[in-house]
Amino acid sequence: MDLTYLEIKEDMQDSFDSLYKRANYTAKDAFYATLEDYITHDSSTETEECCIYVNFALILINAEEKIEFLKNRLLELIDDKNISFYKEELNNDFNNFYQDLITLKKLL
């Protein structure tokens, strides 16, 4: 991962603010534009993808937007079988990620 978890989290909020709030993208279009920007890089990882999904889902839920369009992949990414892999890759950032994951799971 090129960015820390907290940097990705901040980027998700910035992207949501600029695309959804200011440029009037739909929630779905804002999400996929943001995701595309990240996953087109050669160094992109599934952990990064999970961080993007978790944070954008939390942002959308807080904005009272529907997340059905991203829910299937989100549930695959946050499956318990993946958590140890994320823990290894996130290292010191794992606790921040895990707290957000717990929050998200309560809202799903």
Protein backbone atom coordinates (compact mmCIF):
# COMPACT_ATOMS: atom_id res chain seq x y z
CA MET A 1 0.00 0.00 0.00
CA ASP A 2 1.28 3.41 -0.94
CA LEU A 3 -0.90 5.31 1.53
CA THR A 4 -1.67 4.75 5.18
CA TYR A 5 -5.17 3.79 6.24
CA LEU A 6 -5.84 7.27 7.62
CA GLU A 7 -4.67 8.85 4.35
CA ILE A 8 -7.06 6.62 2.40
CA LYS A 9 -9.85 7.52 4.82
CA GLU A 10 -9.17 11.22 4.33
CA ASP A 11 -9.02 10.77 0.55
CA MET A 12 -12.43 9.06 0.59
CA GLN A 13 -13.98 12.00 2.41
CA ASP A 14 -12.29 14.49 0.06
CA SER A 15 -13.46 12.54 -2.97
CA PHE A 16 -17.02 12.33 -1.66
CA ASP A 17 -17.05 16.05 -0.92
CA SER A 18 -15.67 17.06 -4.31
CA LEU A 19 -17.57 14.62 -6.51
CA TYR A 20 -20.87 14.12 -4.70
CA LYS A 21 -21.37 17.41 -2.91
CA ARG A 22 -19.71 19.89 -5.26
CA ALA A 23 -19.79 18.23 -8.70
CA ASN A 24 -23.23 16.65 -8.16
CA TYR A 25 -22.20 13.11 -9.05
CA THR A 26 -24.58 10.42 -7.89
CA ALA A 27 -23.35 8.47 -4.87
CA LYS A 28 -22.74 5.47 -7.13
CA ASP A 29 -20.80 7.48 -9.73
CA ALA A 30 -18.71 9.20 -7.05
CA PHE A 31 -17.82 5.84 -5.53
CA TYR A 32 -16.86 4.17 -8.81
CA ALA A 33 -14.86 7.18 -10.00
CA THR A 34 -12.92 7.10 -6.75
CA LEU A 35 -12.44 3.33 -6.85
CA GLU A 36 -11.28 3.44 -10.47
CA ASP A 37 -8.69 6.06 -9.59
CA TYR A 38 -7.20 3.72 -6.98
CA ILE A 39 -7.41 0.33 -8.64
CA THR A 40 -5.87 1.39 -11.94
CA HIS A 41 -2.47 1.64 -10.22
CA ASP A 42 -0.23 -1.41 -10.48
CA SER A 43 0.50 -1.31 -6.76
CA SER A 44 -3.18 -1.47 -5.77
CA THR A 45 -3.99 -4.23 -3.27
CA GLU A 46 -7.15 -5.92 -2.03
CA THR A 47 -6.47 -4.33 1.35
CA GLU A 48 -6.61 -0.89 -0.27
CA GLU A 49 -9.81 -1.87 -2.03
CA CYS A 50 -11.31 -2.97 1.28
CA CYS A 51 -10.29 0.31 2.94
CA ILE A 52 -11.97 2.21 0.12
CA TYR A 53 -15.17 0.19 0.38
CA VAL A 54 -15.34 0.43 4.17
CA ASN A 55 -14.79 4.18 4.27
CA PHE A 56 -17.03 5.08 1.35
CA ALA A 57 -19.80 2.90 2.78
CA LEU A 58 -19.53 4.68 6.13
CA ILE A 59 -19.60 8.07 4.41
CA LEU A 60 -22.66 7.12 2.35
CA ILE A 61 -24.51 5.70 5.34
CA ASN A 62 -23.79 8.88 7.30
CA ALA A 63 -25.11 10.90 4.34
CA GLU A 64 -28.25 8.72 4.40
CA GLU A 65 -27.49 7.32 0.94
CA LYS A 66 -28.14 3.75 -0.13
CA ILE A 67 -25.16 1.42 -0.44
CA GLU A 68 -26.85 -1.50 -2.21
CA PHE A 69 -24.73 -0.99 -5.34
CA LEU A 70 -21.52 -1.73 -3.41
CA LYS A 71 -22.81 -4.07 -0.73
CA ASN A 72 -22.07 -7.44 -2.36
CA ARG A 73 -18.40 -6.70 -2.94
CA LEU A 74 -18.15 -4.98 0.45
CA LEU A 75 -19.43 -8.11 2.20
CA GLU A 76 -16.90 -10.24 0.31
CA LEU A 77 -14.07 -7.93 1.32
CA ILE A 78 -15.00 -7.74 5.00
CA ASP A 79 -15.53 -11.47 5.40
CA ASP A 80 -13.80 -12.73 8.55
CA LYS A 81 -11.47 -14.94 6.52
CA ASN A 82 -9.75 -11.82 5.13
CA ILE A 83 -9.14 -9.98 8.40
CA SER A 84 -5.80 -11.62 9.24
CA PHE A 85 -4.48 -10.66 5.80
CA TYR A 86 -5.58 -7.05 6.32
CA LYS A 87 -4.02 -7.04 9.77
CA GLU A 88 -0.69 -8.10 8.33
CA GLU A 89 -0.76 -5.58 5.50
CA LEU A 90 -2.12 -2.66 7.53
CA ASN A 91 0.26 -3.30 10.40
CA ASN A 92 0.12 -0.25 12.72
CA ASP A 93 -2.99 1.09 10.95
CA PHE A 94 -5.01 -2.05 11.64
CA ASN A 95 -6.62 -0.77 14.86
CA ASN A 96 -8.01 2.31 13.10
CA PHE A 97 -9.30 0.13 10.27
CA TYR A 98 -10.82 -2.41 12.64
CA GLN A 99 -12.67 0.23 14.65
CA ASP A 100 -14.24 1.55 11.44
CA LEU A 101 -15.06 -2.00 10.38
CA ILE A 102 -16.85 -2.67 13.68
CA THR A 103 -18.81 0.56 13.26
CA LEU A 104 -19.76 -0.38 9.71
CA LYS A 105 -20.85 -3.91 10.62
CA LYS A 106 -23.21 -2.47 13.24
CA LEU A 107 -24.82 -0.31 10.55
CA LEU A 108 -25.25 -3.02 7.91
